[in-house]
Structure formats: structure tokens, C-alpha cells
């Protein structure tokens, strides 16, 4: 499963495809202070990135891959 949902945290694993974006959006809309763990993410479809940008959720852990981390940090860090 590319995205694992917990009570108030979501963890991305491996490749997050476009199919996960709608469920991610719904989950984020129903949380007051969601946390995002990207430590195990290896690729993210831009649709998921757009959802995270709109939600302005707190990223607790960035991806290990330097290129992916740099791309996501530039888009998600305010």
C-alpha cells in the first residue's frame, strides 16, 4: 500500500501514484493537524504533491532520496 493512514499521520511508502490523490485529499480534509511522513517515499505523482501543497500539512520526515527530498522541500516548505 503506497500510503498508510493512521489516526493523525499518513506515511508514504514507495511510489504514490495518481490513484492515491483523492483518498489522500479526503483524509487530510478530515484532520485538524495532520502529519506527513515521507521517509519511505521513492516517487510521488504530482497530483499528490498538489494535495499536500493545498493542505499545508506538517511534514515530519522527508524522503531519504536527495533528489526527491529537494523537489518536495522546494514545493512544500513555506
PDB file of N, CA and C in Angstrom:
ATOM      1  N   UNK A   1       0.847  -1.183   0.000  1.00  0.00           N
ATOM      2  CA  UNK A   1       0.000   0.000   0.000  1.00  0.00           C
ATOM      3  C   UNK A   1       0.892   1.247   0.000  1.00  0.00           C
ATOM      4  N   UNK A   2       0.755   2.102  -1.001  1.00  0.00           N
ATOM      5  CA  UNK A   2       1.638   3.264  -1.117  1.00  0.00           C
ATOM      6  C   UNK A   2       1.463   4.311  -0.014  1.00  0.00           C
ATOM      7  N   UNK A   3       0.261   4.414   0.528  1.00  0.00           N
ATOM      8  CA  UNK A   3       0.011   5.378   1.601  1.00  0.00           C
ATOM      9  C   UNK A   3      -0.685   4.654   2.741  1.00  0.00           C
ATOM     10  N   UNK A   4      -0.114   4.776   3.920  1.00  0.00           N
ATOM     11  CA  UNK A   4      -0.685   4.143   5.115  1.00  0.00           C
ATOM     12  C   UNK A   4      -1.254   5.236   6.007  1.00  0.00           C
ATOM     13  N   UNK A   5      -2.528   5.090   6.339  1.00  0.00           N
ATOM     14  CA  UNK A   5      -3.216   6.094   7.150  1.00  0.00           C
ATOM     15  C   UNK A   5      -3.301   5.630   8.594  1.00  0.00           C
ATOM     16  N   UNK A   6      -2.981   6.537   9.496  1.00  0.00           N
ATOM     17  CA  UNK A   6      -3.133   6.297  10.935  1.00  0.00           C
ATOM     18  C   UNK A   6      -4.062   7.371  11.478  1.00  0.00           C
ATOM     19  N   UNK A   7      -4.185   7.442  12.784  1.00  0.00           N
ATOM     20  CA  UNK A   7      -5.125   8.392  13.390  1.00  0.00           C
ATOM     21  C   UNK A   7      -4.901   9.823  12.892  1.00  0.00           C
ATOM     22  N   UNK A   8      -3.690  10.336  13.023  1.00  0.00           N
ATOM     23  CA  UNK A   8      -3.412  11.708  12.624  1.00  0.00           C
ATOM     24  C   UNK A   8      -2.116  11.821  11.816  1.00  0.00           C
ATOM     25  N   UNK A   9      -1.680  10.703  11.258  1.00  0.00           N
ATOM     26  CA  UNK A   9      -0.448  10.702  10.463  1.00  0.00           C
ATOM     27  C   UNK A   9      -0.640   9.830   9.237  1.00  0.00           C
ATOM     28  N   UNK A  10      -0.041  10.248   8.166  1.00  0.00           N
ATOM     29  CA  UNK A  10      -0.050   9.463   6.942  1.00  0.00           C
ATOM     30  C   UNK A  10       1.402   9.188   6.573  1.00  0.00           C
ATOM     31  N   UNK A  11       1.676   7.948   6.166  1.00  0.00           N
ATOM     32  CA  UNK A  11       3.040   7.591   5.788  1.00  0.00           C
ATOM     33  C   UNK A  11       3.043   7.113   4.341  1.00  0.00           C
ATOM     34  N   UNK A  12       3.875   7.783   3.539  1.00  0.00           N
ATOM     35  CA  UNK A  12       4.044   7.398   2.139  1.00  0.00           C
ATOM     36  C   UNK A  12       5.093   6.301   2.068  1.00  0.00           C
ATOM     37  N   UNK A  13       4.809   5.266   1.257  1.00  0.00           N
ATOM     38  CA  UNK A  13       5.745   4.160   1.061  1.00  0.00           C
ATOM     39  C   UNK A  13       5.934   3.957  -0.438  1.00  0.00           C
ATOM     40  N   UNK A  14       7.162   3.854  -0.843  1.00  0.00           N
ATOM     41  CA  UNK A  14       7.499   3.571  -2.231  1.00  0.00           C
ATOM     42  C   UNK A  14       6.907   4.609  -3.184  1.00  0.00           C
ATOM     43  N   UNK A  15       6.069   4.179  -4.116  1.00  0.00           N
ATOM     44  CA  UNK A  15       5.558   5.051  -5.178  1.00  0.00           C
ATOM     45  C   UNK A  15       4.109   5.432  -4.896  1.00  0.00           C
ATOM     46  N   UNK A  16       3.851   6.736  -4.773  1.00  0.00           N
ATOM     47  CA  UNK A  16       2.492   7.240  -4.583  1.00  0.00           C
ATOM     48  C   UNK A  16       1.976   7.687  -5.953  1.00  0.00           C
ATOM     49  N   UNK A  17       1.012   6.940  -6.490  1.00  0.00           N
ATOM     50  CA  UNK A  17       0.503   7.198  -7.829  1.00  0.00           C
ATOM     51  C   UNK A  17      -0.688   8.152  -7.800  1.00  0.00           C
ATOM     52  N   UNK A  18      -1.156   8.507  -8.973  1.00  0.00           N
ATOM     53  CA  UNK A  18      -2.292   9.415  -9.094  1.00  0.00           C
ATOM     54  C   UNK A  18      -3.547   8.832  -8.435  1.00  0.00           C
ATOM     55  N   UNK A  19      -3.657   7.532  -8.388  1.00  0.00           N
ATOM     56  CA  UNK A  19      -4.836   6.893  -7.803  1.00  0.00           C
ATOM     57  C   UNK A  19      -4.995   7.189  -6.314  1.00  0.00           C
ATOM     58  N   UNK A  20      -3.922   7.535  -5.631  1.00  0.00           N
ATOM     59  CA  UNK A  20      -3.997   7.808  -4.190  1.00  0.00           C
ATOM     60  C   UNK A  20      -4.435   9.242  -3.859  1.00  0.00           C
ATOM     61  N   UNK A  21      -4.413  10.131  -4.806  1.00  0.00           N
ATOM     62  CA  UNK A  21      -4.634  11.553  -4.536  1.00  0.00           C
ATOM     63  C   UNK A  21      -6.006  11.861  -3.942  1.00  0.00           C
ATOM     64  N   UNK A  22      -7.050  11.266  -4.472  1.00  0.00           N
ATOM     65  CA  UNK A  22      -8.393  11.575  -3.991  1.00  0.00           C
ATOM     66  C   UNK A  22      -8.605  11.112  -2.546  1.00  0.00           C
ATOM     67  N   UNK A  23      -8.149   9.905  -2.225  1.00  0.00           N
ATOM     68  CA  UNK A  23      -8.282   9.411  -0.852  1.00  0.00           C
ATOM     69  C   UNK A  23      -7.433  10.255   0.100  1.00  0.00           C
ATOM     70  N   UNK A  24      -6.238  10.643  -0.335  1.00  0.00           N
ATOM     71  CA  UNK A  24      -5.374  11.499   0.481  1.00  0.00           C
ATOM     72  C   UNK A  24      -6.068  12.824   0.779  1.00  0.00           C
ATOM     73  N   UNK A  25      -6.669  13.421  -0.225  1.00  0.00           N
ATOM     74  CA  UNK A  25      -7.381  14.682  -0.040  1.00  0.00           C
ATOM     75  C   UNK A  25      -8.495  14.534   0.993  1.00  0.00           C
ATOM     76  N   UNK A  26      -9.300  13.490   0.845  1.00  0.00           N
ATOM     77  CA  UNK A  26     -10.390  13.262   1.798  1.00  0.00           C
ATOM     78  C   UNK A  26      -9.893  13.065   3.214  1.00  0.00           C
ATOM     79  N   UNK A  27      -8.810  12.308   3.362  1.00  0.00           N
ATOM     80  CA  UNK A  27      -8.246  12.062   4.690  1.00  0.00           C
ATOM     81  C   UNK A  27      -7.750  13.372   5.296  1.00  0.00           C
ATOM     82  N   UNK A  28      -7.029  14.163   4.522  1.00  0.00           N
ATOM     83  CA  UNK A  28      -6.486  15.429   5.031  1.00  0.00           C
ATOM     84  C   UNK A  28      -7.587  16.423   5.398  1.00  0.00           C
ATOM     85  N   UNK A  29      -8.661  16.426   4.661  1.00  0.00           N
ATOM     86  CA  UNK A  29      -9.768  17.355   4.936  1.00  0.00           C
ATOM     87  C   UNK A  29     -10.460  17.043   6.262  1.00  0.00           C
ATOM     88  N   UNK A  30     -10.318  15.828   6.747  1.00  0.00           N
ATOM     89  CA  UNK A  30     -10.973  15.424   7.991  1.00  0.00           C
ATOM     90  C   UNK A  30     -10.035  15.414   9.191  1.00  0.00           C
ATOM     91  N   UNK A  31      -8.889  16.073   9.089  1.00  0.00           N
ATOM     92  CA  UNK A  31      -7.921  16.133  10.184  1.00  0.00           C
ATOM     93  C   UNK A  31      -7.601  17.587  10.509  1.00  0.00           C
ATOM     94  N   UNK A  32      -7.439  17.873  11.802  1.00  0.00           N
ATOM     95  CA  UNK A  32      -7.100  19.242  12.212  1.00  0.00           C
ATOM     96  C   UNK A  32      -5.623  19.537  12.062  1.00  0.00           C
ATOM     97  N   UNK A  33      -4.771  18.625  12.491  1.00  0.00           N
ATOM     98  CA  UNK A  33      -3.315  18.835  12.429  1.00  0.00           C
ATOM     99  C   UNK A  33      -2.630  17.581  11.908  1.00  0.00           C
ATOM    100  N   UNK A  34      -2.859  17.259  10.641  1.00  0.00           N
ATOM    101  CA  UNK A  34      -2.258  16.025  10.109  1.00  0.00           C
ATOM    102  C   UNK A  34      -0.746  16.135   9.974  1.00  0.00           C
ATOM    103  N   UNK A  35      -0.079  15.002  10.136  1.00  0.00           N
ATOM    104  CA  UNK A  35       1.380  14.932   9.970  1.00  0.00           C
ATOM    105  C   UNK A  35       1.676  13.987   8.817  1.00  0.00           C
ATOM    106  N   UNK A  36       2.720  14.315   8.078  1.00  0.00           N
ATOM    107  CA  UNK A  36       3.082  13.551   6.893  1.00  0.00           C
ATOM    108  C   UNK A  36       4.490  12.999   7.049  1.00  0.00           C
ATOM    109  N   UNK A  37       4.626  11.686   6.888  1.00  0.00           N
ATOM    110  CA  UNK A  37       5.927  11.019   6.936  1.00  0.00           C
ATOM    111  C   UNK A  37       6.265  10.553   5.518  1.00  0.00           C
ATOM    112  N   UNK A  38       7.285  11.155   4.935  1.00  0.00           N
ATOM    113  CA  UNK A  38       7.702  10.824   3.571  1.00  0.00           C
ATOM    114  C   UNK A  38       8.992  10.005   3.549  1.00  0.00           C
ATOM    115  N   UNK A  39       9.422   9.518   4.697  1.00  0.00           N
ATOM    116  CA  UNK A  39      10.729   8.867   4.810  1.00  0.00           C
ATOM    117  C   UNK A  39      10.911   7.679   3.878  1.00  0.00           C
ATOM    118  N   UNK A  40       9.843   6.959   3.565  1.00  0.00           N
ATOM    119  CA  UNK A  40       9.959   5.774   2.724  1.00  0.00           C
ATOM    120  C   UNK A  40       9.422   6.002   1.306  1.00  0.00           C
ATOM    121  N   UNK A  41       9.122   7.236   0.978  1.00  0.00           N
ATOM    122  CA  UNK A  41       8.606   7.569  -0.347  1.00  0.00           C
ATOM    123  C   UNK A  41       9.762   7.585  -1.353  1.00  0.00           C
ATOM    124  N   UNK A  42       9.567   6.933  -2.490  1.00  0.00           N
ATOM    125  CA  UNK A  42      10.597   6.922  -3.532  1.00  0.00           C
ATOM    126  C   UNK A  42      10.167   7.692  -4.775  1.00  0.00           C
ATOM    127  N   UNK A  43       8.863   7.927  -4.927  1.00  0.00           N
ATOM    128  CA  UNK A  43       8.335   8.698  -6.053  1.00  0.00           C
ATOM    129  C   UNK A  43       6.933   9.168  -5.686  1.00  0.00           C
ATOM    130  N   UNK A  44       6.605  10.399  -6.085  1.00  0.00           N
ATOM    131  CA  UNK A  44       5.279  10.927  -5.800  1.00  0.00           C
ATOM    132  C   UNK A  44       4.710  11.544  -7.068  1.00  0.00           C
ATOM    133  N   UNK A  45       3.521  11.111  -7.440  1.00  0.00           N
ATOM    134  CA  UNK A  45       2.839  11.711  -8.585  1.00  0.00           C
ATOM    135  C   UNK A  45       2.504  13.163  -8.228  1.00  0.00           C
ATOM    136  N   UNK A  46       2.613  14.083  -9.174  1.00  0.00           N
ATOM    137  CA  UNK A  46       2.319  15.495  -8.893  1.00  0.00           C
ATOM    138  C   UNK A  46       0.928  15.751  -8.319  1.00  0.00           C
ATOM    139  N   UNK A  47      -0.043  14.894  -8.584  1.00  0.00           N
ATOM    140  CA  UNK A  47      -1.379  15.082  -8.003  1.00  0.00           C
ATOM    141  C   UNK A  47      -1.327  15.007  -6.481  1.00  0.00           C
ATOM    142  N   UNK A  48      -0.516  14.095  -5.950  1.00  0.00           N
ATOM    143  CA  UNK A  48      -0.361  14.002  -4.500  1.00  0.00           C
ATOM    144  C   UNK A  48       0.379  15.211  -3.953  1.00  0.00           C
ATOM    145  N   UNK A  49       1.352  15.688  -4.696  1.00  0.00           N
ATOM    146  CA  UNK A  49       2.067  16.900  -4.291  1.00  0.00           C
ATOM    147  C   UNK A  49       1.100  18.078  -4.220  1.00  0.00           C
ATOM    148  N   UNK A  50       0.227  18.213  -5.202  1.00  0.00           N
ATOM    149  CA  UNK A  50      -0.750  19.311  -5.196  1.00  0.00           C
ATOM    150  C   UNK A  50      -1.672  19.226  -3.983  1.00  0.00           C
ATOM    151  N   UNK A  51      -2.079  18.015  -3.624  1.00  0.00           N
ATOM    152  CA  UNK A  51      -2.929  17.826  -2.445  1.00  0.00           C
ATOM    153  C   UNK A  51      -2.180  18.274  -1.195  1.00  0.00           C
ATOM    154  N   UNK A  52      -0.924  17.875  -1.064  1.00  0.00           N
ATOM    155  CA  UNK A  52      -0.130  18.267   0.106  1.00  0.00           C
ATOM    156  C   UNK A  52       0.100  19.772   0.139  1.00  0.00           C
ATOM    157  N   UNK A  53       0.318  20.373  -1.012  1.00  0.00           N
ATOM    158  CA  UNK A  53       0.510  21.827  -1.065  1.00  0.00           C
ATOM    159  C   UNK A  53      -0.749  22.543  -0.599  1.00  0.00           C
ATOM    160  N   UNK A  54      -1.903  22.105  -1.061  1.00  0.00           N
ATOM    161  CA  UNK A  54      -3.162  22.745  -0.686  1.00  0.00           C
ATOM    162  C   UNK A  54      -3.478  22.555   0.793  1.00  0.00           C
ATOM    163  N   UNK A  55      -3.155  21.387   1.321  1.00  0.00           N
ATOM    164  CA  UNK A  55      -3.468  21.076   2.717  1.00  0.00           C
ATOM    165  C   UNK A  55      -2.544  21.778   3.699  1.00  0.00           C
ATOM    166  N   UNK A  56      -1.349  22.113   3.254  1.00  0.00           N
ATOM    167  CA  UNK A  56      -0.340  22.744   4.124  1.00  0.00           C
ATOM    168  C   UNK A  56      -0.103  21.926   5.394  1.00  0.00           C
ATOM    169  N   UNK A  57      -0.080  20.618   5.229  1.00  0.00           N
ATOM    170  CA  UNK A  57       0.142  19.715   6.363  1.00  0.00           C
ATOM    171  C   UNK A  57       1.613  19.727   6.766  1.00  0.00           C
ATOM    172  N   UNK A  58       1.866  19.390   8.015  1.00  0.00           N
ATOM    173  CA  UNK A  58       3.234  19.372   8.536  1.00  0.00           C
ATOM    174  C   UNK A  58       3.960  18.111   8.072  1.00  0.00           C
ATOM    175  N   UNK A  59       5.097  18.304   7.436  1.00  0.00           N
ATOM    176  CA  UNK A  59       5.939  17.187   7.020  1.00  0.00           C
ATOM    177  C   UNK A  59       6.865  16.882   8.194  1.00  0.00           C
ATOM    178  N   UNK A  60       6.739  15.673   8.741  1.00  0.00           N
ATOM    179  CA  UNK A  60       7.568  15.307   9.890  1.00  0.00           C
ATOM    180  C   UNK A  60       8.893  14.699   9.474  1.00  0.00           C
ATOM    181  N   UNK A  61       8.899  13.981   8.347  1.00  0.00           N
ATOM    182  CA  UNK A  61      10.116  13.318   7.867  1.00  0.00           C
ATOM    183  C   UNK A  61      10.146  13.386   6.349  1.00  0.00           C
ATOM    184  N   UNK A  62      11.263  13.838   5.816  1.00  0.00           N
ATOM    185  CA  UNK A  62      11.446  13.965   4.367  1.00  0.00           C
ATOM    186  C   UNK A  62      12.001  12.676   3.785  1.00  0.00           C
ATOM    187  N   UNK A  63      11.875  12.473   2.460  1.00  0.00           N
ATOM    188  CA  UNK A  63      12.398  11.262   1.824  1.00  0.00           C
ATOM    189  C   UNK A  63      13.912  11.136   1.951  1.00  0.00           C
ATOM    190  N   UNK A  64      14.388   9.910   1.945  1.00  0.00           N
ATOM    191  CA  UNK A  64      15.831   9.651   2.005  1.00  0.00           C
ATOM    192  C   UNK A  64      16.513  10.035   0.693  1.00  0.00           C
ATOM    193  N   UNK A  65      15.824   9.847  -0.426  1.00  0.00           N
ATOM    194  CA  UNK A  65      16.377  10.186  -1.737  1.00  0.00           C
ATOM    195  C   UNK A  65      16.588  11.697  -1.839  1.00  0.00           C
ATOM    196  N   UNK A  66      17.829  12.108  -2.088  1.00  0.00           N
ATOM    197  CA  UNK A  66      18.172  13.536  -2.091  1.00  0.00           C
ATOM    198  C   UNK A  66      17.421  14.330  -3.146  1.00  0.00           C
ATOM    199  N   UNK A  67      17.294  13.781  -4.341  1.00  0.00           N
ATOM    200  CA  UNK A  67      16.603  14.488  -5.412  1.00  0.00           C
ATOM    201  C   UNK A  67      15.132  14.685  -5.113  1.00  0.00           C
ATOM    202  N   UNK A  68      14.487  13.634  -4.655  1.00  0.00           N
ATOM    203  CA  UNK A  68      13.069  13.720  -4.297  1.00  0.00           C
ATOM    204  C   UNK A  68      12.875  14.664  -3.120  1.00  0.00           C
ATOM    205  N   UNK A  69      13.753  14.562  -2.141  1.00  0.00           N
ATOM    206  CA  UNK A  69      13.662  15.446  -0.973  1.00  0.00           C
ATOM    207  C   UNK A  69      13.778  16.907  -1.387  1.00  0.00           C
ATOM    208  N   UNK A  70      14.743  17.226  -2.229  1.00  0.00           N
ATOM    209  CA  UNK A  70      14.942  18.615  -2.678  1.00  0.00           C
ATOM    210  C   UNK A  70      13.715  19.117  -3.431  1.00  0.00           C
ATOM    211  N   UNK A  71      13.164  18.278  -4.303  1.00  0.00           N
ATOM    212  CA  UNK A  71      11.986  18.662  -5.083  1.00  0.00           C
ATOM    213  C   UNK A  71      10.796  18.933  -4.165  1.00  0.00           C
ATOM    214  N   UNK A  72      10.559  18.028  -3.211  1.00  0.00           N
ATOM    215  CA  UNK A  72       9.426  18.185  -2.314  1.00  0.00           C
ATOM    216  C   UNK A  72       9.616  19.342  -1.338  1.00  0.00           C
ATOM    217  N   UNK A  73      10.832  19.500  -0.826  1.00  0.00           N
ATOM    218  CA  UNK A  73      11.079  20.595   0.108  1.00  0.00           C
ATOM    219  C   UNK A  73      10.874  21.954  -0.578  1.00  0.00           C
ATOM    220  N   UNK A  74      11.295  22.061  -1.823  1.00  0.00           N
ATOM    221  CA  UNK A  74      11.128  23.341  -2.514  1.00  0.00           C
ATOM    222  C   UNK A  74       9.659  23.667  -2.725  1.00  0.00           C
ATOM    223  N   UNK A  75       8.833  22.636  -2.909  1.00  0.00           N
ATOM    224  CA  UNK A  75       7.418  22.856  -3.139  1.00  0.00           C
ATOM    225  C   UNK A  75       6.601  22.974  -1.856  1.00  0.00           C
ATOM    226  N   UNK A  76       7.032  22.280  -0.790  1.00  0.00           N
ATOM    227  CA  UNK A  76       6.206  22.205   0.416  1.00  0.00           C
ATOM    228  C   UNK A  76       6.694  23.049   1.591  1.00  0.00           C
ATOM    229  N   UNK A  77       7.891  23.556   1.519  1.00  0.00           N
ATOM    230  CA  UNK A  77       8.387  24.380   2.636  1.00  0.00           C
ATOM    231  C   UNK A  77       7.946  25.823   2.430  1.00  0.00           C
ATOM    232  N   UNK A  78       7.351  26.355   3.461  1.00  0.00           N
ATOM    233  CA  UNK A  78       6.871  27.738   3.356  1.00  0.00           C
ATOM    234  C   UNK A  78       7.841  28.711   3.983  1.00  0.00           C
TER     235      UNK A  78
END
